[in-house]
PDB file of N, CA and C in Angstrom:
ATOM      1  N   MET A   1      10.615  17.736 -10.668  1.00  0.00           N
ATOM      2  CA  MET A   1      10.711  16.354  -9.779  1.00  0.00           C
ATOM      3  C   MET A   1      11.401  15.478 -10.797  1.00  0.00           C
ATOM      4  N   PRO A   2      12.767  15.052 -10.502  1.00  0.00           N
ATOM      5  CA  PRO A   2      13.078  13.526 -11.290  1.00  0.00           C
ATOM      6  C   PRO A   2      12.513  12.463 -11.130  1.00  0.00           C
ATOM      7  N   ALA A   3      12.331  11.549 -12.609  1.00  0.00           N
ATOM      8  CA  ALA A   3      11.462  10.332 -12.607  1.00  0.00           C
ATOM      9  C   ALA A   3      12.115   9.708 -11.921  1.00  0.00           C
ATOM     10  N   GLN A   4      11.539   8.576 -11.296  1.00  0.00           N
ATOM     11  CA  GLN A   4      11.879   6.913 -10.911  1.00  0.00           C
ATOM     12  C   GLN A   4      11.606   6.081 -11.494  1.00  0.00           C
ATOM     13  N   SER A   5      11.952   5.252 -11.253  1.00  0.00           N
ATOM     14  CA  SER A   5      11.959   3.961 -12.213  1.00  0.00           C
ATOM     15  C   SER A   5      11.074   2.887 -11.161  1.00  0.00           C
ATOM     16  N   ASN A   6      10.011   2.330 -11.271  1.00  0.00           N
ATOM     17  CA  ASN A   6       9.225   1.329 -10.422  1.00  0.00           C
ATOM     18  C   ASN A   6       8.861   0.073 -11.145  1.00  0.00           C
ATOM     19  N   ASP A   7       9.064  -1.169 -10.695  1.00  0.00           N
ATOM     20  CA  ASP A   7       8.415  -2.345 -11.623  1.00  0.00           C
ATOM     21  C   ASP A   7       7.479  -2.421 -11.153  1.00  0.00           C
ATOM     22  N   ILE A   8       6.280  -3.020 -12.156  1.00  0.00           N
ATOM     23  CA  ILE A   8       5.368  -3.650 -12.101  1.00  0.00           C
ATOM     24  C   ILE A   8       5.164  -4.787 -12.360  1.00  0.00           C
ATOM     25  N   ARG A   9       4.158  -5.761 -11.726  1.00  0.00           N
ATOM     26  CA  ARG A   9       4.239  -7.013 -12.439  1.00  0.00           C
ATOM     27  C   ARG A   9       2.929  -7.329 -12.634  1.00  0.00           C
ATOM     28  N   MET A  10       2.963  -8.020 -14.026  1.00  0.00           N
ATOM     29  CA  MET A  10       1.593  -8.410 -14.706  1.00  0.00           C
ATOM     30  C   MET A  10       1.533  -9.335 -15.774  1.00  0.00           C
ATOM     31  N   ASP A  11       0.584  -9.951 -16.099  1.00  0.00           N
ATOM     32  CA  ASP A  11       0.523 -10.874 -16.931  1.00  0.00           C
ATOM     33  C   ASP A  11       1.081 -10.619 -18.417  1.00  0.00           C
ATOM     34  N   ALA A  12       2.317 -11.382 -18.988  1.00  0.00           N
ATOM     35  CA  ALA A  12       2.748 -10.842 -20.135  1.00  0.00           C
ATOM     36  C   ALA A  12       1.488 -10.590 -21.334  1.00  0.00           C
ATOM     37  N   ASP A  13       0.805 -11.286 -21.266  1.00  0.00           N
ATOM     38  CA  ASP A  13      -0.498 -10.926 -22.461  1.00  0.00           C
ATOM     39  C   ASP A  13      -1.042 -10.214 -22.363  1.00  0.00           C
ATOM     40  N   ILE A  14      -1.571  -9.460 -21.023  1.00  0.00           N
ATOM     41  CA  ILE A  14      -2.090  -8.392 -20.575  1.00  0.00           C
ATOM     42  C   ILE A  14      -1.123  -7.093 -20.992  1.00  0.00           C
ATOM     43  N   LYS A  15      -0.063  -7.445 -20.591  1.00  0.00           N
ATOM     44  CA  LYS A  15       1.129  -6.210 -20.788  1.00  0.00           C
ATOM     45  C   LYS A  15       1.056  -5.751 -22.374  1.00  0.00           C
ATOM     46  N   ASP A  16       1.119  -6.795 -23.314  1.00  0.00           N
ATOM     47  CA  ASP A  16       1.519  -6.829 -24.750  1.00  0.00           C
ATOM     48  C   ASP A  16      -0.033  -6.088 -25.089  1.00  0.00           C
ATOM     49  N   ARG A  17      -1.126  -6.686 -24.646  1.00  0.00           N
ATOM     50  CA  ARG A  17      -2.529  -6.056 -25.059  1.00  0.00           C
ATOM     51  C   ARG A  17      -2.273  -4.713 -25.133  1.00  0.00           C
ATOM     52  N   VAL A  18      -2.246  -4.215 -23.327  1.00  0.00           N
ATOM     53  CA  VAL A  18      -2.531  -2.879 -23.370  1.00  0.00           C
ATOM     54  C   VAL A  18      -1.403  -1.901 -24.014  1.00  0.00           C
ATOM     55  N   ALA A  19      -0.093  -2.415 -23.928  1.00  0.00           N
ATOM     56  CA  ALA A  19       0.756  -1.587 -24.414  1.00  0.00           C
ATOM     57  C   ALA A  19       0.572  -0.839 -25.809  1.00  0.00           C
ATOM     58  N   MET A  20      -0.313  -2.338 -27.044  1.00  0.00           N
ATOM     59  CA  MET A  20      -0.475  -1.833 -28.341  1.00  0.00           C
ATOM     60  C   MET A  20      -1.658  -0.833 -28.275  1.00  0.00           C
ATOM     61  N   LEU A  21      -2.761  -1.213 -27.011  1.00  0.00           N
ATOM     62  CA  LEU A  21      -3.957  -0.273 -27.134  1.00  0.00           C
ATOM     63  C   LEU A  21      -3.357   1.053 -26.873  1.00  0.00           C
ATOM     64  N   TYR A  22      -2.265   1.120 -26.102  1.00  0.00           N
ATOM     65  CA  TYR A  22      -1.850   2.703 -25.317  1.00  0.00           C
ATOM     66  C   TYR A  22      -1.284   2.809 -26.569  1.00  0.00           C
ATOM     67  N   ALA A  23      -0.366   2.603 -27.346  1.00  0.00           N
ATOM     68  CA  ALA A  23       0.530   2.702 -28.677  1.00  0.00           C
ATOM     69  C   ALA A  23      -0.800   3.565 -29.548  1.00  0.00           C
ATOM     70  N   SER A  24      -1.770   2.769 -29.591  1.00  0.00           N
ATOM     71  CA  SER A  24      -2.653   2.927 -30.453  1.00  0.00           C
ATOM     72  C   SER A  24      -3.154   4.642 -30.299  1.00  0.00           C
ATOM     73  N   LEU A  25      -2.790   4.726 -29.408  1.00  0.00           N
ATOM     74  CA  LEU A  25      -3.334   6.470 -28.631  1.00  0.00           C
ATOM     75  C   LEU A  25      -2.247   7.365 -28.559  1.00  0.00           C
ATOM     76  N   GLY A  26      -1.005   6.681 -29.085  1.00  0.00           N
ATOM     77  CA  GLY A  26       0.256   7.654 -28.907  1.00  0.00           C
ATOM     78  C   GLY A  26       1.026   7.673 -27.451  1.00  0.00           C
ATOM     79  N   LEU A  27       0.483   6.708 -26.525  1.00  0.00           N
ATOM     80  CA  LEU A  27       1.156   6.806 -25.510  1.00  0.00           C
ATOM     81  C   LEU A  27       2.036   5.399 -24.879  1.00  0.00           C
ATOM     82  N   THR A  28       3.116   5.553 -24.105  1.00  0.00           N
ATOM     83  CA  THR A  28       3.542   4.186 -23.854  1.00  0.00           C
ATOM     84  C   THR A  28       3.032   3.795 -22.566  1.00  0.00           C
ATOM     85  N   LEU A  29       3.077   2.463 -22.287  1.00  0.00           N
ATOM     86  CA  LEU A  29       2.624   1.935 -21.272  1.00  0.00           C
ATOM     87  C   LEU A  29       3.020   2.830 -20.049  1.00  0.00           C
ATOM     88  N   SER A  30       4.461   3.511 -19.788  1.00  0.00           N
ATOM     89  CA  SER A  30       4.743   4.328 -18.751  1.00  0.00           C
ATOM     90  C   SER A  30       3.893   5.616 -18.724  1.00  0.00           C
ATOM     91  N   ASP A  31       3.524   6.102 -19.718  1.00  0.00           N
ATOM     92  CA  ASP A  31       2.787   7.376 -19.841  1.00  0.00           C
ATOM     93  C   ASP A  31       1.479   6.914 -19.067  1.00  0.00           C
ATOM     94  N   ALA A  32       0.752   5.890 -20.089  1.00  0.00           N
ATOM     95  CA  ALA A  32      -0.526   5.659 -19.186  1.00  0.00           C
ATOM     96  C   ALA A  32      -0.516   5.160 -18.144  1.00  0.00           C
ATOM     97  N   VAL A  33       0.280   4.998 -17.044  1.00  0.00           N
ATOM     98  CA  VAL A  33       0.032   4.719 -15.691  1.00  0.00           C
ATOM     99  C   VAL A  33       0.412   5.652 -15.115  1.00  0.00           C
ATOM    100  N   ASN A  34       1.460   6.753 -15.606  1.00  0.00           N
ATOM    101  CA  ASN A  34       1.399   8.154 -14.741  1.00  0.00           C
ATOM    102  C   ASN A  34      -0.059   8.739 -15.237  1.00  0.00           C
ATOM    103  N   VAL A  35      -0.626   9.026 -16.483  1.00  0.00           N
ATOM    104  CA  VAL A  35      -2.127   9.307 -16.560  1.00  0.00           C
ATOM    105  C   VAL A  35      -3.235   8.652 -15.576  1.00  0.00           C
ATOM    106  N   PHE A  36      -3.044   7.598 -15.418  1.00  0.00           N
ATOM    107  CA  PHE A  36      -3.974   6.670 -14.569  1.00  0.00           C
ATOM    108  C   PHE A  36      -3.581   7.570 -12.799  1.00  0.00           C
ATOM    109  N   LEU A  37      -2.324   7.729 -12.593  1.00  0.00           N
ATOM    110  CA  LEU A  37      -1.609   8.086 -11.160  1.00  0.00           C
ATOM    111  C   LEU A  37      -2.466   9.481 -10.878  1.00  0.00           C
ATOM    112  N   ARG A  38      -1.986  10.118 -11.934  1.00  0.00           N
ATOM    113  CA  ARG A  38      -2.576  11.718 -11.525  1.00  0.00           C
ATOM    114  C   ARG A  38      -3.819  11.729 -11.635  1.00  0.00           C
ATOM    115  N   VAL A  39      -4.634  11.237 -12.525  1.00  0.00           N
ATOM    116  CA  VAL A  39      -6.482  11.350 -12.224  1.00  0.00           C
ATOM    117  C   VAL A  39      -6.451  10.695 -11.011  1.00  0.00           C
ATOM    118  N   SER A  40      -5.738   9.751 -10.392  1.00  0.00           N
ATOM    119  CA  SER A  40      -6.175   8.996  -9.152  1.00  0.00           C
ATOM    120  C   SER A  40      -6.224  10.243  -8.037  1.00  0.00           C
ATOM    121  N   LEU A  41      -4.827  10.855  -8.374  1.00  0.00           N
ATOM    122  CA  LEU A  41      -4.772  12.193  -6.865  1.00  0.00           C
ATOM    123  C   LEU A  41      -5.794  13.113  -7.172  1.00  0.00           C
ATOM    124  N   ASP A  42      -6.416  13.388  -8.423  1.00  0.00           N
ATOM    125  CA  ASP A  42      -7.324  14.633  -8.760  1.00  0.00           C
ATOM    126  C   ASP A  42      -8.494  13.710  -8.167  1.00  0.00           C
ATOM    127  N   ALA A  43      -8.994  12.554  -8.228  1.00  0.00           N
ATOM    128  CA  ALA A  43     -10.089  12.189  -8.099  1.00  0.00           C
ATOM    129  C   ALA A  43     -10.082  11.569  -6.436  1.00  0.00           C
ATOM    130  N   ASN A  44      -8.492  11.747  -5.932  1.00  0.00           N
ATOM    131  CA  ASN A  44      -8.164  11.213  -4.253  1.00  0.00           C
ATOM    132  C   ASN A  44      -8.587   9.917  -3.894  1.00  0.00           C
ATOM    133  N   GLY A  45      -8.503   9.024  -5.027  1.00  0.00           N
ATOM    134  CA  GLY A  45      -9.309   7.489  -5.090  1.00  0.00           C
ATOM    135  C   GLY A  45      -9.094   7.016  -6.357  1.00  0.00           C
ATOM    136  N   PHE A  46      -9.397   6.062  -6.650  1.00  0.00           N
ATOM    137  CA  PHE A  46      -9.576   5.306  -7.874  1.00  0.00           C
ATOM    138  C   PHE A  46     -10.645   6.509  -8.656  1.00  0.00           C
ATOM    139  N   PRO A  47     -10.102   6.733  -9.868  1.00  0.00           N
ATOM    140  CA  PRO A  47     -11.104   7.434 -10.835  1.00  0.00           C
ATOM    141  C   PRO A  47     -12.475   6.629 -11.473  1.00  0.00           C
ATOM    142  N   PHE A  48     -12.847   5.687 -11.148  1.00  0.00           N
ATOM    143  CA  PHE A  48     -13.759   4.939 -11.552  1.00  0.00           C
ATOM    144  C   PHE A  48     -14.373   4.243 -10.415  1.00  0.00           C
ATOM    145  N   PRO A  49     -15.595   3.881 -10.113  1.00  0.00           N
ATOM    146  CA  PRO A  49     -16.047   3.150  -8.842  1.00  0.00           C
ATOM    147  C   PRO A  49     -15.299   1.707  -8.957  1.00  0.00           C
ATOM    148  N   VAL A  50     -15.525   1.677  -7.215  1.00  0.00           N
ATOM    149  CA  VAL A  50     -14.451   0.381  -7.411  1.00  0.00           C
ATOM    150  C   VAL A  50     -15.602  -0.077  -5.696  1.00  0.00           C
ATOM    151  N   LYS A  51     -16.358  -1.225  -6.486  1.00  0.00           N
ATOM    152  CA  LYS A  51     -17.214  -1.654  -5.087  1.00  0.00           C
ATOM    153  C   LYS A  51     -17.043  -3.428  -5.253  1.00  0.00           C
ATOM    154  N   LEU A  52     -17.916  -4.137  -4.067  1.00  0.00           N
ATOM    155  CA  LEU A  52     -18.026  -5.132  -4.443  1.00  0.00           C
ATOM    156  C   LEU A  52     -19.225  -5.598  -4.975  1.00  0.00           C
ATOM    157  N   SER A  53     -19.439  -6.733  -5.711  1.00  0.00           N
ATOM    158  CA  SER A  53     -20.483  -7.090  -6.783  1.00  0.00           C
ATOM    159  C   SER A  53     -22.087  -6.819  -6.233  1.00  0.00           C
ATOM    160  N   ASP A  54     -22.061  -6.749  -4.993  1.00  0.00           N
ATOM    161  CA  ASP A  54     -23.382  -6.581  -4.256  1.00  0.00           C
ATOM    162  C   ASP A  54     -23.405  -5.975  -2.812  1.00  0.00           C
ATOM    163  N   SER A  55     -24.176  -5.551  -2.120  1.00  0.00           N
ATOM    164  CA  SER A  55     -24.269  -4.519  -0.907  1.00  0.00           C
ATOM    165  C   SER A  55     -23.588  -5.289   0.105  1.00  0.00           C
ATOM    166  N   GLU A  56     -23.247  -6.601   0.159  1.00  0.00           N
ATOM    167  CA  GLU A  56     -22.526  -7.085   1.474  1.00  0.00           C
ATOM    168  C   GLU A  56     -21.373  -6.839   1.545  1.00  0.00           C
ATOM    169  N   SER A  57     -20.835  -6.454   2.897  1.00  0.00           N
ATOM    170  CA  SER A  57     -19.300  -6.530   3.130  1.00  0.00           C
ATOM    171  C   SER A  57     -18.460  -7.655   2.776  1.00  0.00           C
ATOM    172  N   VAL A  58     -17.416  -7.800   2.902  1.00  0.00           N
ATOM    173  CA  VAL A  58     -16.562  -8.720   3.326  1.00  0.00           C
ATOM    174  C   VAL A  58     -16.430  -9.283   4.357  1.00  0.00           C
ATOM    175  N   LEU A  59     -16.865  -8.739   5.594  1.00  0.00           N
ATOM    176  CA  LEU A  59     -16.996  -9.322   6.823  1.00  0.00           C
ATOM    177  C   LEU A  59     -18.576  -9.741   6.764  1.00  0.00           C
ATOM    178  N   GLU A  60     -19.341  -9.258   6.042  1.00  0.00           N
ATOM    179  CA  GLU A  60     -20.534  -9.983   6.275  1.00  0.00           C
ATOM    180  C   GLU A  60     -20.511 -11.360   5.434  1.00  0.00           C
ATOM    181  N   LYS A  61     -20.156 -10.983   4.243  1.00  0.00           N
ATOM    182  CA  LYS A  61     -19.768 -12.966   3.604  1.00  0.00           C
ATOM    183  C   LYS A  61     -19.142 -13.867   4.298  1.00  0.00           C
ATOM    184  N   ARG A  62     -17.980 -13.136   5.018  1.00  0.00           N
ATOM    185  CA  ARG A  62     -17.230 -14.391   5.874  1.00  0.00           C
ATOM    186  C   ARG A  62     -18.133 -14.608   6.831  1.00  0.00           C
ATOM    187  N   ALA A  63     -18.741 -13.955   7.424  1.00  0.00           N
ATOM    188  CA  ALA A  63     -19.432 -14.269   8.843  1.00  0.00           C
ATOM    189  C   ALA A  63     -20.885 -15.255   8.451  1.00  0.00           C
ATOM    190  N   LYS A  64     -21.466 -15.119   7.075  1.00  0.00           N
ATOM    191  CA  LYS A  64     -22.727 -16.090   6.758  1.00  0.00           C
ATOM    192  C   LYS A  64     -21.680 -17.527   6.561  1.00  0.00           C
ATOM    193  N   ALA A  65     -20.426 -17.215   5.611  1.00  0.00           N
ATOM    194  CA  ALA A  65     -19.659 -18.325   5.158  1.00  0.00           C
ATOM    195  C   ALA A  65     -19.264 -19.117   6.439  1.00  0.00           C
ATOM    196  N   THR A  66     -19.028 -18.743   7.584  1.00  0.00           N
ATOM    197  CA  THR A  66     -18.549 -19.240   8.636  1.00  0.00           C
ATOM    198  C   THR A  66     -19.772 -19.576   9.200  1.00  0.00           C
ATOM    199  N   GLN A  67     -20.769 -19.283   9.234  1.00  0.00           N
ATOM    200  CA  GLN A  67     -22.410 -19.819   9.790  1.00  0.00           C
ATOM    201  C   GLN A  67     -22.557 -21.035   9.245  1.00  0.00           C
ATOM    202  N   LYS A  68     -22.610 -21.002   7.738  1.00  0.00           N
ATOM    203  CA  LYS A  68     -23.089 -22.041   7.281  1.00  0.00           C
ATOM    204  C   LYS A  68     -21.849 -23.368   7.177  1.00  0.00           C
ATOM    205  N   PHE A  69     -20.753 -23.010   7.270  1.00  0.00           N
ATOM    206  CA  PHE A  69     -19.632 -24.169   7.491  1.00  0.00           C
ATOM    207  C   PHE A  69     -19.810 -24.759   9.007  1.00  0.00           C
ATOM    208  N   ILE A  70     -20.186 -23.932  10.165  1.00  0.00           N
ATOM    209  CA  ILE A  70     -20.142 -24.472  11.390  1.00  0.00           C
ATOM    210  C   ILE A  70     -21.629 -25.319  11.473  1.00  0.00           C
ATOM    211  N   ALA A  71     -23.058 -24.791  10.567  1.00  0.00           N
ATOM    212  CA  ALA A  71     -24.051 -25.630  10.601  1.00  0.00           C
ATOM    213  C   ALA A  71     -23.795 -26.826   9.897  1.00  0.00           C
ATOM    214  N   PHE A  72     -22.931 -27.224   9.114  1.00  0.00           N
ATOM    215  CA  PHE A  72     -22.688 -28.258   8.223  1.00  0.00           C
ATOM    216  C   PHE A  72     -21.662 -29.194   9.012  1.00  0.00           C
ATOM    217  N   ALA A  73     -21.053 -28.528   9.686  1.00  0.00           N
ATOM    218  CA  ALA A  73     -19.901 -29.583  10.331  1.00  0.00           C
ATOM    219  C   ALA A  73     -21.006 -29.982  11.898  1.00  0.00           C
ATOM    220  N   ASN A  74     -22.028 -29.295  12.125  1.00  0.00           N
ATOM    221  CA  ASN A  74     -22.653 -29.734  13.330  1.00  0.00           C
ATOM    222  C   ASN A  74     -23.541 -30.646  12.792  1.00  0.00           C
ATOM    223  N   ALA A  75     -23.936 -30.616  11.475  1.00  0.00           N
ATOM    224  CA  ALA A  75     -24.696 -31.685  11.260  1.00  0.00           C
ATOM    225  C   ALA A  75     -24.501 -32.918  10.635  1.00  0.00           C
ATOM    226  N   ASN A  76     -22.829 -32.752  10.594  1.00  0.00           N
ATOM    227  CA  ASN A  76     -22.283 -33.943   9.959  1.00  0.00           C
ATOM    228  C   ASN A  76     -21.183 -34.331  11.287  1.00  0.00           C
ATOM    229  N   PRO A  77     -21.593 -34.847  12.572  1.00  0.00           N
ATOM    230  CA  PRO A  77     -21.002 -35.122  13.382  1.00  0.00           C
ATOM    231  C   PRO A  77     -19.789 -36.378  12.730  1.00  0.00           C
ATOM    232  N   VAL A  78     -20.238 -36.890  11.790  1.00  0.00           N
ATOM    233  CA  VAL A  78     -18.775 -38.058  11.780  1.00  0.00           C
ATOM    234  C   VAL A  78     -17.618 -37.625  11.157  1.00  0.00           C
ATOM    235  N   SER A  79     -17.668 -36.241  10.699  1.00  0.00           N
ATOM    236  CA  SER A  79     -16.613 -35.581  10.030  1.00  0.00           C
ATOM    237  C   SER A  79     -15.269 -35.277  11.366  1.00  0.00           C
ATOM    238  N   LEU A  80     -16.348 -34.808  12.640  1.00  0.00           N
ATOM    239  CA  LEU A  80     -15.720 -34.322  13.577  1.00  0.00           C
ATOM    240  C   LEU A  80     -15.244 -35.026  14.792  1.00  0.00           C
ATOM    241  N   GLY A  81     -15.935 -36.206  14.842  1.00  0.00           N
ATOM    242  CA  GLY A  81     -15.328 -37.437  15.502  1.00  0.00           C
ATOM    243  C   GLY A  81     -16.321 -37.117  16.628  1.00  0.00           C
ATOM    244  N   LYS A  82     -16.516 -38.283  17.487  1.00  0.00           N
ATOM    245  CA  LYS A  82     -17.628 -38.921  18.400  1.00  0.00           C
ATOM    246  C   LYS A  82     -17.716 -38.100  19.461  1.00  0.00           C
ATOM    247  N   GLY A  83     -18.782 -37.284  19.961  1.00  0.00           N
ATOM    248  CA  GLY A  83     -19.137 -36.378  21.074  1.00  0.00           C
ATOM    249  C   GLY A  83     -18.453 -35.037  20.488  1.00  0.00           C
ATOM    250  N   TYR A  84     -18.192 -34.758  19.755  1.00  0.00           N
ATOM    251  CA  TYR A  84     -17.302 -33.014  19.100  1.00  0.00           C
ATOM    252  C   TYR A  84     -18.523 -32.163  18.942  1.00  0.00           C
ATOM    253  N   THR A  85     -18.740 -31.460  19.417  1.00  0.00           N
ATOM    254  CA  THR A  85     -19.648 -29.904  19.053  1.00  0.00           C
ATOM    255  C   THR A  85     -18.716 -28.962  18.673  1.00  0.00           C
ATOM    256  N   PHE A  86     -18.984 -29.104  17.132  1.00  0.00           N
ATOM    257  CA  PHE A  86     -17.991 -27.615  16.635  1.00  0.00           C
ATOM    258  C   PHE A  86     -18.738 -26.172  16.638  1.00  0.00           C
ATOM    259  N   SER A  87     -18.087 -25.203  17.068  1.00  0.00           N
ATOM    260  CA  SER A  87     -18.466 -24.159  17.334  1.00  0.00           C
ATOM    261  C   SER A  87     -17.786 -23.115  16.975  1.00  0.00           C
ATOM    262  N   ARG A  88     -18.252 -21.925  16.680  1.00  0.00           N
ATOM    263  CA  ARG A  88     -17.236 -20.488  16.580  1.00  0.00           C
ATOM    264  C   ARG A  88     -16.100 -20.527  17.155  1.00  0.00           C
ATOM    265  N   GLU A  89     -16.449 -21.103  18.569  1.00  0.00           N
ATOM    266  CA  GLU A  89     -15.017 -20.897  19.511  1.00  0.00           C
ATOM    267  C   GLU A  89     -14.214 -21.927  19.723  1.00  0.00           C
ATOM    268  N   ALA A  90     -14.742 -23.218  19.030  1.00  0.00           N
ATOM    269  CA  ALA A  90     -13.977 -24.474  18.956  1.00  0.00           C
ATOM    270  C   ALA A  90     -12.973 -23.891  17.603  1.00  0.00           C
ATOM    271  N   CYS A  91     -13.635 -23.229  16.445  1.00  0.00           N
ATOM    272  CA  CYS A  91     -12.437 -22.757  15.924  1.00  0.00           C
ATOM    273  C   CYS A  91     -11.304 -22.073  16.245  1.00  0.00           C
ATOM    274  N   TYR A  92     -11.665 -20.882  17.024  1.00  0.00           N
ATOM    275  CA  TYR A  92     -10.760 -19.926  17.690  1.00  0.00           C
ATOM    276  C   TYR A  92      -9.903 -20.600  18.557  1.00  0.00           C
ATOM    277  N   ASP A  93     -10.423 -21.233  19.247  1.00  0.00           N
ATOM    278  CA  ASP A  93      -9.377 -22.008  20.186  1.00  0.00           C
ATOM    279  C   ASP A  93      -8.151 -22.821  19.732  1.00  0.00           C
ATOM    280  N   ARG A  94      -8.940 -23.442  18.287  1.00  0.00           N
ATOM    281  CA  ARG A  94      -7.705 -24.232  17.453  1.00  0.00           C
ATOM    282  C   ARG A  94      -7.222 -23.441  16.341  1.00  0.00           C
ATOM    283  N   LYS A  95      -7.723 -22.205  16.464  1.00  0.00           N
ATOM    284  CA  LYS A  95      -6.805 -21.223  15.555  1.00  0.00           C
ATOM    285  C   LYS A  95      -7.396 -21.175  13.958  1.00  0.00           C
ATOM    286  N   VAL A  96      -8.580 -21.941  13.903  1.00  0.00           N
ATOM    287  CA  VAL A  96      -8.849 -21.931  12.689  1.00  0.00           C
ATOM    288  C   VAL A  96      -9.300 -21.058  11.918  1.00  0.00           C
ATOM    289  N   LEU A  97     -10.067 -20.073  12.696  1.00  0.00           N
ATOM    290  CA  LEU A  97     -10.829 -19.015  12.208  1.00  0.00           C
ATOM    291  C   LEU A  97      -9.975 -17.845  12.897  1.00  0.00           C
ATOM    292  N   ARG A  98      -9.754 -16.756  12.374  1.00  0.00           N
ATOM    293  CA  ARG A  98      -9.219 -15.242  12.886  1.00  0.00           C
ATOM    294  C   ARG A  98      -9.638 -14.500  12.424  1.00  0.00           C
TER     295      ARG A  98
END
């Protein structure tokens, strides 16, 4: 299969450092990316564990943060205007949360 060229954006300092690392192993950066991609195919995913720092999912963290924000906003009505009750529904109505 013919090789294709792809652009990858990365920090210049990272590129220089990793290029030197792989050069010391006798590989180009392109070689290293190809090795990573082939190993990913063999592993049917990342060839190393990819996980959140703890057991909470992103959605659970977002829900907790939303509840904390609503509790703060309800406890500080001055920031909301007189007589206004802050709620999750109000956020959705005003398209603050999606």
